[in-house]
Amino acid sequence: MKAIRIDSFGGPEVLKLQGSLPVPEIGTRQVLINVHSVSINPVDTYIRSGQYARLPTLPYTPGNDCSGVIEHVGAEVNKFKPGDRVYSLRTITGSYSTHAVCDVEYVNNLPDCLPFNEGACLGTTYYTAYRALILVGKAKPGQLVLVHGASGGVGTACLQLCKQMGIRAVGTAGTPDGEKAALTSGADTVVNHRQDKYVDTLKELSSANGGFDIILENAAHVNLATDLDLVANKGVVIVVGSKGMNSIEMVPRKLMAKECSVTGILFWNISPDELVQSHAAILAGVKIGVLKPVISNLFELGEAGKAHEQLMSGKGAAGQIVLVP
């Protein structure tokens, strides 16, 4: 098989394509996926650079999200059979490869209505969005939600979930393409965060509601202090993304005055019950055509370094980046 291997942490140049590698063995409750598409997530770049709390043992193959066809199943696997179309949100051996071993719990059926490239993007982003918005935020129809970074993977997933549930959504984006992607995904209004006084615009948009009931924060390292001015009384700010380990200044009394809360979620901490509920909800949304990942660019597997460079640049972000082995 072929796979991207990383022998040392560093920049995108450490992503090296290797061929003629042995296909890994599977355990009794694992499956082997013949990978057709791979989704790249920001966390992949953090781990690759060595700037992450949980680092793998070197050498390793990066990635968790992929889609493809089941090639082999373990002796205790009853849910899948060889030939099934599936997607995975966590792998044992890495997804930047032609083959990936996955624990069966983290694999779900991929309906025929969704191509492999889009199916690869259902994992981290959609499960993070569903867990944040529905399981943690307890979002309800008619509420007003602000999605920061609305053109990225988690952002577009949140907007599509809002549209499905009848939740009013305002998004922020930094480019015309990003604004278009957010509107297409279900945002009622999109505000360009690069414009002067964009926070004032957000306040105006939420004034009739007394602020935003839920804020999905993809860039807490920039926006968190301001979010306390935008959130409604009894509202919640849910941090789903933040770059680096830099600190920010906040005014704690704002939390007291509004009796609001700030919480964070990490994809890796999803519980077995949450996983089962997320599997069912996301599969249902895909089948009715409401949940459909937005793809910004495609790269060949050997171009993983270029793909990481584009993701890190943040320029023109409008959807997810996919590798095709």
C-alpha atoms as a PDB file:
ATOM      1  CA  MET A   1       0.000   0.000   0.000  1.00  0.00           C
ATOM      2  CA  LYS A   2       0.961   3.689  -0.188  1.00  0.00           C
ATOM      3  CA  ALA A   3       0.864   6.093   2.720  1.00  0.00           C
ATOM      4  CA  ILE A   4       2.147   9.431   3.950  1.00  0.00           C
ATOM      5  CA  ARG A   5       4.725   8.899   6.698  1.00  0.00           C
ATOM      6  CA  ILE A   6       6.125  11.439   9.140  1.00  0.00           C
ATOM      7  CA  ASP A   7       9.530  10.649  10.661  1.00  0.00           C
ATOM      8  CA  SER A   8       9.959  13.940  12.553  1.00  0.00           C
ATOM      9  CA  PHE A   9       7.647  16.757  13.583  1.00  0.00           C
ATOM     10  CA  GLY A  10       7.938  19.930  11.537  1.00  0.00           C
ATOM     11  CA  GLY A  11       6.548  21.850   8.580  1.00  0.00           C
ATOM     12  CA  PRO A  12       4.564  20.500   5.621  1.00  0.00           C
ATOM     13  CA  GLU A  13       7.794  19.224   4.075  1.00  0.00           C
ATOM     14  CA  VAL A  14       7.899  16.316   6.581  1.00  0.00           C
ATOM     15  CA  LEU A  15       4.871  14.728   4.864  1.00  0.00           C
ATOM     16  CA  LYS A  16       6.517  12.061   2.702  1.00  0.00           C
ATOM     17  CA  LEU A  17       4.758   9.582   0.416  1.00  0.00           C
ATOM     18  CA  GLN A  18       6.018   6.010   0.745  1.00  0.00           C
ATOM     19  CA  GLY A  19       5.066   3.040  -1.426  1.00  0.00           C
ATOM     20  CA  SER A  20       5.228  -0.751  -1.134  1.00  0.00           C
ATOM     21  CA  LEU A  21       4.239  -0.693   2.542  1.00  0.00           C
ATOM     22  CA  PRO A  22       2.605  -3.791   4.066  1.00  0.00           C
ATOM     23  CA  VAL A  23      -1.162  -3.688   4.497  1.00  0.00           C
ATOM     24  CA  PRO A  24      -1.832  -3.686   8.265  1.00  0.00           C
ATOM     25  CA  GLU A  25      -3.589  -6.541  10.046  1.00  0.00           C
ATOM     26  CA  ILE A  26      -6.937  -6.027  11.769  1.00  0.00           C
ATOM     27  CA  GLY A  27      -8.254  -7.059  15.172  1.00  0.00           C
ATOM     28  CA  THR A  28     -11.467  -8.921  15.915  1.00  0.00           C
ATOM     29  CA  ARG A  29     -13.523  -5.710  16.260  1.00  0.00           C
ATOM     30  CA  GLN A  30     -11.800  -3.750  13.527  1.00  0.00           C
ATOM     31  CA  VAL A  31     -12.242  -3.241   9.792  1.00  0.00           C
ATOM     32  CA  LEU A  32      -9.829  -2.574   6.940  1.00  0.00           C
ATOM     33  CA  ILE A  33     -10.975   0.210   4.623  1.00  0.00           C
ATOM     34  CA  ASN A  34      -9.749   0.561   1.053  1.00  0.00           C
ATOM     35  CA  VAL A  35      -9.502   4.350   1.206  1.00  0.00           C
ATOM     36  CA  HIS A  36     -10.981   6.382  -1.652  1.00  0.00           C
ATOM     37  CA  SER A  37     -10.880   9.875  -0.104  1.00  0.00           C
ATOM     38  CA  VAL A  38      -9.306  11.581   2.917  1.00  0.00           C
ATOM     39  CA  SER A  39     -10.409  14.778   4.657  1.00  0.00           C
ATOM     40  CA  ILE A  40      -7.768  17.080   6.143  1.00  0.00           C
ATOM     41  CA  ASN A  41      -8.527  18.806   9.440  1.00  0.00           C
ATOM     42  CA  PRO A  42      -6.697  21.656  11.223  1.00  0.00           C
ATOM     43  CA  VAL A  43      -5.710  19.295  14.038  1.00  0.00           C
ATOM     44  CA  ASP A  44      -3.668  17.305  11.495  1.00  0.00           C
ATOM     45  CA  THR A  45      -1.427  20.345  10.997  1.00  0.00           C
ATOM     46  CA  TYR A  46      -1.052  20.951  14.738  1.00  0.00           C
ATOM     47  CA  ILE A  47       0.024  17.348  15.362  1.00  0.00           C
ATOM     48  CA  ARG A  48       2.359  17.322  12.357  1.00  0.00           C
ATOM     49  CA  SER A  49       4.131  20.432  13.682  1.00  0.00           C
ATOM     50  CA  GLY A  50       4.479  18.938  17.171  1.00  0.00           C
ATOM     51  CA  GLN A  51       2.315  21.705  18.668  1.00  0.00           C
ATOM     52  CA  TYR A  52      -0.352  19.534  20.254  1.00  0.00           C
ATOM     53  CA  ALA A  53      -0.992  18.029  23.669  1.00  0.00           C
ATOM     54  CA  ARG A  54      -1.354  14.459  22.384  1.00  0.00           C
ATOM     55  CA  LEU A  55       1.410  13.489  19.979  1.00  0.00           C
ATOM     56  CA  PRO A  56       1.770  10.094  18.276  1.00  0.00           C
ATOM     57  CA  THR A  57       4.884   7.967  18.387  1.00  0.00           C
ATOM     58  CA  LEU A  58       7.145   8.536  15.390  1.00  0.00           C
ATOM     59  CA  PRO A  59       7.023   7.497  12.623  1.00  0.00           C
ATOM     60  CA  TYR A  60       3.297   7.774  11.971  1.00  0.00           C
ATOM     61  CA  THR A  61       0.700   8.259   9.253  1.00  0.00           C
ATOM     62  CA  PRO A  62      -1.551  11.270   9.938  1.00  0.00           C
ATOM     63  CA  GLY A  63      -5.286  11.624   9.641  1.00  0.00           C
ATOM     64  CA  ASN A  64      -8.521  10.115  10.910  1.00  0.00           C
ATOM     65  CA  ASP A  65     -11.301  11.064   8.501  1.00  0.00           C
ATOM     66  CA  CYS A  66     -11.707   8.982   5.361  1.00  0.00           C
ATOM     67  CA  SER A  67     -14.207   7.193   3.168  1.00  0.00           C
ATOM     68  CA  GLY A  68     -13.947   4.076   1.083  1.00  0.00           C
ATOM     69  CA  VAL A  69     -14.975   0.450   0.788  1.00  0.00           C
ATOM     70  CA  ILE A  70     -14.673  -2.262   3.424  1.00  0.00           C
ATOM     71  CA  GLU A  71     -11.992  -4.752   2.371  1.00  0.00           C
ATOM     72  CA  HIS A  72     -11.869  -7.007   5.445  1.00  0.00           C
ATOM     73  CA  VAL A  73     -13.797  -7.283   8.711  1.00  0.00           C
ATOM     74  CA  GLY A  74     -12.744  -8.746  12.052  1.00  0.00           C
ATOM     75  CA  ALA A  75     -14.218 -11.967  13.418  1.00  0.00           C
ATOM     76  CA  GLU A  76     -16.581 -10.122  15.794  1.00  0.00           C
ATOM     77  CA  VAL A  77     -17.798  -7.499  13.303  1.00  0.00           C
ATOM     78  CA  ASN A  78     -21.428  -7.992  12.271  1.00  0.00           C
ATOM     79  CA  LYS A  79     -22.429  -4.484  11.182  1.00  0.00           C
ATOM     80  CA  PHE A  80     -20.313  -4.400   8.004  1.00  0.00           C
ATOM     81  CA  LYS A  81     -19.188  -6.745   5.252  1.00  0.00           C
ATOM     82  CA  PRO A  82     -16.585  -6.501   2.471  1.00  0.00           C
ATOM     83  CA  GLY A  83     -17.796  -4.179  -0.273  1.00  0.00           C
ATOM     84  CA  ASP A  84     -19.780  -1.827   1.971  1.00  0.00           C
ATOM     85  CA  ARG A  85     -19.389   1.920   1.372  1.00  0.00           C
ATOM     86  CA  VAL A  86     -18.368   3.584   4.647  1.00  0.00           C
ATOM     87  CA  TYR A  87     -16.772   6.606   6.248  1.00  0.00           C
ATOM     88  CA  SER A  88     -14.632   6.749   9.365  1.00  0.00           C
ATOM     89  CA  LEU A  89     -13.996   9.447  11.939  1.00  0.00           C
ATOM     90  CA  ARG A  90     -11.087   7.770  13.706  1.00  0.00           C
ATOM     91  CA  THR A  91      -8.403   5.368  12.515  1.00  0.00           C
ATOM     92  CA  ILE A  92      -5.792   3.195  14.178  1.00  0.00           C
ATOM     93  CA  THR A  93      -3.213   3.401  11.390  1.00  0.00           C
ATOM     94  CA  GLY A  94      -3.879   6.872   9.917  1.00  0.00           C
ATOM     95  CA  SER A  95      -6.048   7.904   6.984  1.00  0.00           C
ATOM     96  CA  TYR A  96      -3.450   9.496   4.662  1.00  0.00           C
ATOM     97  CA  SER A  97      -3.091   6.113   3.001  1.00  0.00           C
ATOM     98  CA  THR A  98      -4.600   3.689   0.520  1.00  0.00           C
ATOM     99  CA  HIS A  99      -5.710   1.460   3.428  1.00  0.00           C
ATOM    100  CA  ALA A 100      -6.778   2.234   6.997  1.00  0.00           C
ATOM    101  CA  VAL A 101      -7.586   0.101  10.028  1.00  0.00           C
ATOM    102  CA  CYS A 102     -10.466   1.393  12.169  1.00  0.00           C
ATOM    103  CA  ASP A 103     -12.283   0.272  15.289  1.00  0.00           C
ATOM    104  CA  VAL A 104     -15.787  -0.636  14.165  1.00  0.00           C
ATOM    105  CA  GLU A 105     -17.406   1.858  16.579  1.00  0.00           C
ATOM    106  CA  TYR A 106     -15.978   4.785  14.607  1.00  0.00           C
ATOM    107  CA  VAL A 107     -17.206   3.638  11.198  1.00  0.00           C
ATOM    108  CA  ASN A 108     -20.605   4.409   9.677  1.00  0.00           C
ATOM    109  CA  ASN A 109     -22.415   3.518   6.469  1.00  0.00           C
ATOM    110  CA  LEU A 110     -22.027   5.935   3.562  1.00  0.00           C
ATOM    111  CA  PRO A 111     -25.238   6.231   1.523  1.00  0.00           C
ATOM    112  CA  ASP A 112     -24.984   5.947  -2.255  1.00  0.00           C
ATOM    113  CA  CYS A 113     -26.316   9.506  -2.576  1.00  0.00           C
ATOM    114  CA  LEU A 114     -23.041  10.963  -1.268  1.00  0.00           C
ATOM    115  CA  PRO A 115     -19.768  10.676  -3.249  1.00  0.00           C
ATOM    116  CA  PHE A 116     -16.629   9.441  -1.505  1.00  0.00           C
ATOM    117  CA  ASN A 117     -14.973  12.875  -1.569  1.00  0.00           C
ATOM    118  CA  GLU A 118     -17.829  14.379   0.401  1.00  0.00           C
ATOM    119  CA  GLY A 119     -18.262  11.306   2.581  1.00  0.00           C
ATOM    120  CA  ALA A 120     -14.687  11.646   3.817  1.00  0.00           C
ATOM    121  CA  CYS A 121     -15.643  15.023   5.310  1.00  0.00           C
ATOM    122  CA  LEU A 122     -18.439  13.741   7.549  1.00  0.00           C
ATOM    123  CA  GLY A 123     -16.249  12.696  10.471  1.00  0.00           C
ATOM    124  CA  THR A 124     -14.532  15.235  12.694  1.00  0.00           C
ATOM    125  CA  THR A 125     -16.384  18.288  11.402  1.00  0.00           C
ATOM    126  CA  TYR A 126     -19.971  17.054  11.462  1.00  0.00           C
ATOM    127  CA  TYR A 127     -19.628  15.120  14.703  1.00  0.00           C
ATOM    128  CA  THR A 128     -18.021  18.145  16.352  1.00  0.00           C
ATOM    129  CA  ALA A 129     -20.801  20.381  15.052  1.00  0.00           C
ATOM    130  CA  TYR A 130     -23.577  18.031  16.152  1.00  0.00           C
ATOM    131  CA  ARG A 131     -22.074  17.484  19.581  1.00  0.00           C
ATOM    132  CA  ALA A 132     -21.537  21.215  20.123  1.00  0.00           C
ATOM    133  CA  LEU A 133     -24.848  22.478  18.795  1.00  0.00           C
ATOM    134  CA  ILE A 134     -27.251  19.714  19.809  1.00  0.00           C
ATOM    135  CA  LEU A 135     -25.728  17.590  22.580  1.00  0.00           C
ATOM    136  CA  VAL A 136     -23.963  20.384  24.498  1.00  0.00           C
ATOM    137  CA  GLY A 137     -25.735  23.555  23.344  1.00  0.00           C
ATOM    138  CA  LYS A 138     -29.219  21.971  23.463  1.00  0.00           C
ATOM    139  CA  ALA A 139     -30.192  24.125  20.482  1.00  0.00           C
ATOM    140  CA  LYS A 140     -33.906  24.489  19.796  1.00  0.00           C
ATOM    141  CA  PRO A 141     -35.959  25.672  16.805  1.00  0.00           C
ATOM    142  CA  GLY A 142     -36.364  29.436  16.748  1.00  0.00           C
ATOM    143  CA  GLN A 143     -33.177  30.213  18.657  1.00  0.00           C
ATOM    144  CA  LEU A 144     -30.522  32.551  17.251  1.00  0.00           C
ATOM    145  CA  VAL A 145     -27.043  31.111  16.723  1.00  0.00           C
ATOM    146  CA  LEU A 146     -23.781  32.806  15.732  1.00  0.00           C
ATOM    147  CA  VAL A 147     -21.226  30.650  13.932  1.00  0.00           C
ATOM    148  CA  HIS A 148     -17.730  32.131  13.824  1.00  0.00           C
ATOM    149  CA  GLY A 149     -15.672  30.705  10.959  1.00  0.00           C
ATOM    150  CA  ALA A 150     -18.849  29.750   9.128  1.00  0.00           C
ATOM    151  CA  SER A 151     -17.130  28.852   5.853  1.00  0.00           C
ATOM    152  CA  GLY A 152     -14.888  26.132   7.294  1.00  0.00           C
ATOM    153  CA  GLY A 153     -15.732  22.481   7.819  1.00  0.00           C
ATOM    154  CA  VAL A 154     -17.249  22.726  11.304  1.00  0.00           C
ATOM    155  CA  GLY A 155     -18.871  26.042  10.409  1.00  0.00           C
ATOM    156  CA  THR A 156     -20.709  24.787   7.332  1.00  0.00           C
ATOM    157  CA  ALA A 157     -21.753  21.664   9.235  1.00  0.00           C
ATOM    158  CA  CYS A 158     -23.231  23.827  12.017  1.00  0.00           C
ATOM    159  CA  LEU A 159     -25.136  25.937   9.509  1.00  0.00           C
ATOM    160  CA  GLN A 160     -26.586  22.895   7.777  1.00  0.00           C
ATOM    161  CA  LEU A 161     -27.705  21.489  11.132  1.00  0.00           C
ATOM    162  CA  CYS A 162     -29.326  24.831  11.988  1.00  0.00           C
ATOM    163  CA  LYS A 163     -31.194  24.828   8.691  1.00  0.00           C
ATOM    164  CA  GLN A 164     -32.379  21.270   9.293  1.00  0.00           C
ATOM    165  CA  MET A 165     -33.717  22.169  12.751  1.00  0.00           C
ATOM    166  CA  GLY A 166     -35.288  25.543  11.995  1.00  0.00           C
ATOM    167  CA  ILE A 167     -32.674  27.500  13.950  1.00  0.00           C
ATOM    168  CA  ARG A 168     -31.832  31.034  12.815  1.00  0.00           C
ATOM    169  CA  ALA A 169     -28.121  31.337  12.049  1.00  0.00           C
ATOM    170  CA  VAL A 170     -25.702  34.200  11.473  1.00  0.00           C
ATOM    171  CA  GLY A 171     -22.226  33.353  10.215  1.00  0.00           C
ATOM    172  CA  THR A 172     -18.908  35.150   9.923  1.00  0.00           C
ATOM    173  CA  ALA A 173     -16.420  34.683   7.083  1.00  0.00           C
ATOM    174  CA  GLY A 174     -13.406  36.522   5.717  1.00  0.00           C
ATOM    175  CA  THR A 175     -13.728  36.281   1.927  1.00  0.00           C
ATOM    176  CA  PRO A 176     -16.468  36.572  -0.712  1.00  0.00           C
ATOM    177  CA  ASP A 177     -16.126  32.840  -1.422  1.00  0.00           C
ATOM    178  CA  GLY A 178     -16.444  32.134   2.288  1.00  0.00           C
ATOM    179  CA  GLU A 179     -19.544  34.286   2.545  1.00  0.00           C
ATOM    180  CA  LYS A 180     -21.089  32.475  -0.416  1.00  0.00           C
ATOM    181  CA  ALA A 181     -20.299  29.060   1.096  1.00  0.00           C
ATOM    182  CA  ALA A 182     -21.877  30.058   4.404  1.00  0.00           C
ATOM    183  CA  LEU A 183     -25.052  31.320   2.729  1.00  0.00           C
ATOM    184  CA  THR A 184     -25.293  28.171   0.631  1.00  0.00           C
ATOM    185  CA  SER A 185     -24.936  26.059   3.778  1.00  0.00           C
ATOM    186  CA  GLY A 186     -27.894  27.717   5.463  1.00  0.00           C
ATOM    187  CA  ALA A 187     -26.852  30.991   7.095  1.00  0.00           C
ATOM    188  CA  ASP A 188     -29.622  33.581   7.161  1.00  0.00           C
ATOM    189  CA  THR A 189     -27.011  36.353   7.178  1.00  0.00           C
ATOM    190  CA  VAL A 190     -23.219  36.418   6.813  1.00  0.00           C
ATOM    191  CA  VAL A 191     -20.942  39.166   8.134  1.00  0.00           C
ATOM    192  CA  ASN A 192     -17.374  39.655   6.871  1.00  0.00           C
ATOM    193  CA  HIS A 193     -15.152  39.672   9.950  1.00  0.00           C
ATOM    194  CA  ARG A 194     -12.471  41.633   8.093  1.00  0.00           C
ATOM    195  CA  GLN A 195     -14.712  44.682   7.816  1.00  0.00           C
ATOM    196  CA  ASP A 196     -14.467  47.565  10.261  1.00  0.00           C
ATOM    197  CA  LYS A 197     -16.997  47.506  13.086  1.00  0.00           C
ATOM    198  CA  TYR A 198     -18.281  44.065  12.133  1.00  0.00           C
ATOM    199  CA  VAL A 199     -18.991  43.435  15.826  1.00  0.00           C
ATOM    200  CA  ASP A 200     -21.407  46.368  15.794  1.00  0.00           C
ATOM    201  CA  THR A 201     -23.168  44.743  12.846  1.00  0.00           C
ATOM    202  CA  LEU A 202     -23.504  41.506  14.807  1.00  0.00           C
ATOM    203  CA  LYS A 203     -24.957  43.420  17.755  1.00  0.00           C
ATOM    204  CA  GLU A 204     -27.533  45.024  15.481  1.00  0.00           C
ATOM    205  CA  LEU A 205     -28.494  41.682  13.959  1.00  0.00           C
ATOM    206  CA  SER A 206     -29.062  40.141  17.394  1.00  0.00           C
ATOM    207  CA  SER A 207     -30.520  43.152  19.224  1.00  0.00           C
ATOM    208  CA  ALA A 208     -34.158  42.071  18.881  1.00  0.00           C
ATOM    209  CA  ASN A 209     -33.222  38.738  20.472  1.00  0.00           C
ATOM    210  CA  GLY A 210     -31.138  40.309  23.227  1.00  0.00           C
ATOM    211  CA  GLY A 211     -27.998  38.711  21.809  1.00  0.00           C
ATOM    212  CA  PHE A 212     -27.159  35.265  20.474  1.00  0.00           C
ATOM    213  CA  ASP A 213     -28.527  32.249  22.335  1.00  0.00           C
ATOM    214  CA  ILE A 214     -25.569  30.118  21.250  1.00  0.00           C
ATOM    215  CA  ILE A 215     -22.193  31.129  19.830  1.00  0.00           C
ATOM    216  CA  LEU A 216     -20.144  28.441  18.079  1.00  0.00           C
ATOM    217  CA  GLU A 217     -16.580  29.688  18.384  1.00  0.00           C
ATOM    218  CA  ASN A 218     -13.995  28.385  15.915  1.00  0.00           C
ATOM    219  CA  ALA A 219     -11.389  31.059  16.724  1.00  0.00           C
ATOM    220  CA  ALA A 220     -11.470  31.585  20.475  1.00  0.00           C
ATOM    221  CA  HIS A 221      -7.925  32.961  20.445  1.00  0.00           C
ATOM    222  CA  VAL A 222      -9.341  35.996  18.608  1.00  0.00           C
ATOM    223  CA  ASN A 223     -13.022  36.304  19.476  1.00  0.00           C
ATOM    224  CA  LEU A 224     -13.708  34.962  22.956  1.00  0.00           C
ATOM    225  CA  ALA A 225     -13.592  38.267  24.840  1.00  0.00           C
ATOM    226  CA  THR A 226     -15.911  39.875  22.282  1.00  0.00           C
ATOM    227  CA  ASP A 227     -18.281  36.911  22.434  1.00  0.00           C
ATOM    228  CA  LEU A 228     -19.241  37.938  25.962  1.00  0.00           C
ATOM    229  CA  ASP A 229     -20.635  41.176  24.516  1.00  0.00           C
ATOM    230  CA  LEU A 230     -22.620  39.274  21.882  1.00  0.00           C
ATOM    231  CA  VAL A 231     -24.080  36.369  23.846  1.00  0.00           C
ATOM    232  CA  ALA A 232     -27.603  36.692  25.248  1.00  0.00           C
ATOM    233  CA  ASN A 233     -28.609  36.421  28.894  1.00  0.00           C
ATOM    234  CA  LYS A 234     -28.511  32.727  29.879  1.00  0.00           C
ATOM    235  CA  GLY A 235     -26.733  32.052  26.570  1.00  0.00           C
ATOM    236  CA  VAL A 236     -23.699  29.869  25.983  1.00  0.00           C
ATOM    237  CA  VAL A 237     -20.428  30.264  24.091  1.00  0.00           C
ATOM    238  CA  ILE A 238     -19.115  26.900  22.897  1.00  0.00           C
ATOM    239  CA  VAL A 239     -15.436  26.825  21.958  1.00  0.00           C
ATOM    240  CA  VAL A 240     -14.747  24.294  19.218  1.00  0.00           C
ATOM    241  CA  GLY A 241     -11.487  25.775  17.906  1.00  0.00           C
ATOM    242  CA  SER A 242      -8.535  27.880  19.043  1.00  0.00           C
ATOM    243  CA  LYS A 243      -5.022  28.210  17.661  1.00  0.00           C
ATOM    244  CA  GLY A 244      -1.949  27.969  19.864  1.00  0.00           C
ATOM    245  CA  MET A 245      -1.690  28.268  23.628  1.00  0.00           C
ATOM    246  CA  ASN A 246      -1.900  32.061  23.867  1.00  0.00           C
ATOM    247  CA  SER A 247      -3.940  33.607  26.666  1.00  0.00           C
ATOM    248  CA  ILE A 248      -6.625  36.247  26.196  1.00  0.00           C
ATOM    249  CA  GLU A 249      -8.113  38.861  28.503  1.00  0.00           C
ATOM    250  CA  MET A 250     -11.740  38.596  29.584  1.00  0.00           C
ATOM    251  CA  VAL A 251     -13.977  40.503  31.993  1.00  0.00           C
ATOM    252  CA  PRO A 252     -15.453  37.874  34.349  1.00  0.00           C
ATOM    253  CA  ARG A 253     -18.205  40.209  35.567  1.00  0.00           C
ATOM    254  CA  LYS A 254     -19.818  39.965  32.128  1.00  0.00           C
ATOM    255  CA  LEU A 255     -20.429  36.288  32.853  1.00  0.00           C
ATOM    256  CA  MET A 256     -22.101  37.247  36.119  1.00  0.00           C
ATOM    257  CA  ALA A 257     -24.248  40.014  34.665  1.00  0.00           C
ATOM    258  CA  LYS A 258     -25.594  37.855  31.848  1.00  0.00           C
ATOM    259  CA  GLU A 259     -25.516  34.580  33.778  1.00  0.00           C
ATOM    260  CA  CYS A 260     -24.106  33.110  30.588  1.00  0.00           C
ATOM    261  CA  SER A 261     -21.586  30.316  30.276  1.00  0.00           C
ATOM    262  CA  VAL A 262     -18.483  29.461  28.287  1.00  0.00           C
ATOM    263  CA  THR A 263     -17.643  25.849  27.619  1.00  0.00           C
ATOM    264  CA  GLY A 264     -15.368  23.946  25.286  1.00  0.00           C
ATOM    265  CA  ILE A 265     -15.551  20.588  23.563  1.00  0.00           C
ATOM    266  CA  LEU A 266     -12.880  18.299  22.162  1.00  0.00           C
ATOM    267  CA  PHE A 267     -13.806  15.803  19.483  1.00  0.00           C
ATOM    268  CA  TRP A 268     -11.728  13.021  21.053  1.00  0.00           C
ATOM    269  CA  ASN A 269     -13.883  13.096  24.202  1.00  0.00           C
ATOM    270  CA  ILE A 270     -17.091  11.974  22.498  1.00  0.00           C
ATOM    271  CA  SER A 271     -18.778   9.298  24.633  1.00  0.00           C
ATOM    272  CA  PRO A 272     -20.085   5.953  23.314  1.00  0.00           C
ATOM    273  CA  ASP A 273     -23.699   7.108  23.745  1.00  0.00           C
ATOM    274  CA  GLU A 274     -22.982  10.419  21.988  1.00  0.00           C
ATOM    275  CA  LEU A 275     -21.275   8.509  19.184  1.00  0.00           C
ATOM    276  CA  VAL A 276     -24.302   6.280  18.595  1.00  0.00           C
ATOM    277  CA  GLN A 277     -26.670   9.267  18.628  1.00  0.00           C
ATOM    278  CA  SER A 278     -24.399  11.227  16.276  1.00  0.00           C
ATOM    279  CA  HIS A 279     -24.107   8.292  13.847  1.00  0.00           C
ATOM    280  CA  ALA A 280     -27.893   8.080  13.546  1.00  0.00           C
ATOM    281  CA  ALA A 281     -28.519  11.823  13.240  1.00  0.00           C
ATOM    282  CA  ILE A 282     -25.817  12.472  10.664  1.00  0.00           C
ATOM    283  CA  LEU A 283     -26.769   9.459   8.561  1.00  0.00           C
ATOM    284  CA  ALA A 284     -30.393  10.641   8.569  1.00  0.00           C
ATOM    285  CA  GLY A 285     -29.370  14.157   7.526  1.00  0.00           C
ATOM    286  CA  VAL A 286     -27.273  12.821   4.662  1.00  0.00           C
ATOM    287  CA  LYS A 287     -30.085  10.605   3.390  1.00  0.00           C
ATOM    288  CA  ILE A 288     -32.551  13.504   3.145  1.00  0.00           C
ATOM    289  CA  GLY A 289     -29.941  15.703   1.471  1.00  0.00           C
ATOM    290  CA  VAL A 290     -29.628  18.355   4.191  1.00  0.00           C
ATOM    291  CA  LEU A 291     -26.124  17.451   5.358  1.00  0.00           C
ATOM    292  CA  LYS A 292     -23.718  17.754   2.448  1.00  0.00           C
ATOM    293  CA  PRO A 293     -20.056  18.708   2.988  1.00  0.00           C
ATOM    294  CA  VAL A 294     -18.574  21.602   1.038  1.00  0.00           C
ATOM    295  CA  ILE A 295     -15.210  20.880  -0.598  1.00  0.00           C
ATOM    296  CA  SER A 296     -12.779  23.685  -1.346  1.00  0.00           C
ATOM    297  CA  ASN A 297     -10.012  21.755  -3.107  1.00  0.00           C
ATOM    298  CA  LEU A 298      -8.758  18.301  -4.070  1.00  0.00           C
ATOM    299  CA  PHE A 299      -5.151  17.082  -3.916  1.00  0.00           C
ATOM    300  CA  GLU A 300      -3.460  13.796  -4.727  1.00  0.00           C
ATOM    301  CA  LEU A 301      -2.113  11.847  -1.749  1.00  0.00           C
ATOM    302  CA  GLY A 302       1.471  12.783  -2.613  1.00  0.00           C
ATOM    303  CA  GLU A 303       0.499  16.467  -2.446  1.00  0.00           C
ATOM    304  CA  ALA A 304      -0.351  16.326   1.260  1.00  0.00           C
ATOM    305  CA  GLY A 305       2.280  18.977   1.974  1.00  0.00           C
ATOM    306  CA  LYS A 306       0.647  21.424  -0.445  1.00  0.00           C
ATOM    307  CA  ALA A 307      -2.733  20.658   1.084  1.00  0.00           C
ATOM    308  CA  HIS A 308      -1.416  21.462   4.568  1.00  0.00           C
ATOM    309  CA  GLU A 309       0.090  24.707   3.297  1.00  0.00           C
ATOM    310  CA  GLN A 310      -3.251  25.783   1.864  1.00  0.00           C
ATOM    311  CA  LEU A 311      -5.116  24.900   5.046  1.00  0.00           C
ATOM    312  CA  MET A 312      -2.608  26.773   7.196  1.00  0.00           C
ATOM    313  CA  SER A 313      -2.731  29.874   4.997  1.00  0.00           C
ATOM    314  CA  GLY A 314      -6.409  30.386   5.744  1.00  0.00           C
ATOM    315  CA  LYS A 315      -6.808  32.194   2.431  1.00  0.00           C
ATOM    316  CA  GLY A 316     -10.062  31.682   0.652  1.00  0.00           C
ATOM    317  CA  ALA A 317     -11.212  29.015   3.076  1.00  0.00           C
ATOM    318  CA  ALA A 318     -14.608  27.802   1.901  1.00  0.00           C
ATOM    319  CA  GLY A 319     -15.130  24.183   2.886  1.00  0.00           C
ATOM    320  CA  GLN A 320     -12.801  21.263   3.395  1.00  0.00           C
ATOM    321  CA  ILE A 321      -9.672  20.011   1.670  1.00  0.00           C
ATOM    322  CA  VAL A 322      -9.632  16.428   0.421  1.00  0.00           C
ATOM    323  CA  LEU A 323      -6.802  14.054  -0.522  1.00  0.00           C
ATOM    324  CA  VAL A 324      -7.416  11.371  -3.135  1.00  0.00           C
ATOM    325  CA  PRO A 325      -5.074   8.326  -2.840  1.00  0.00           C
END
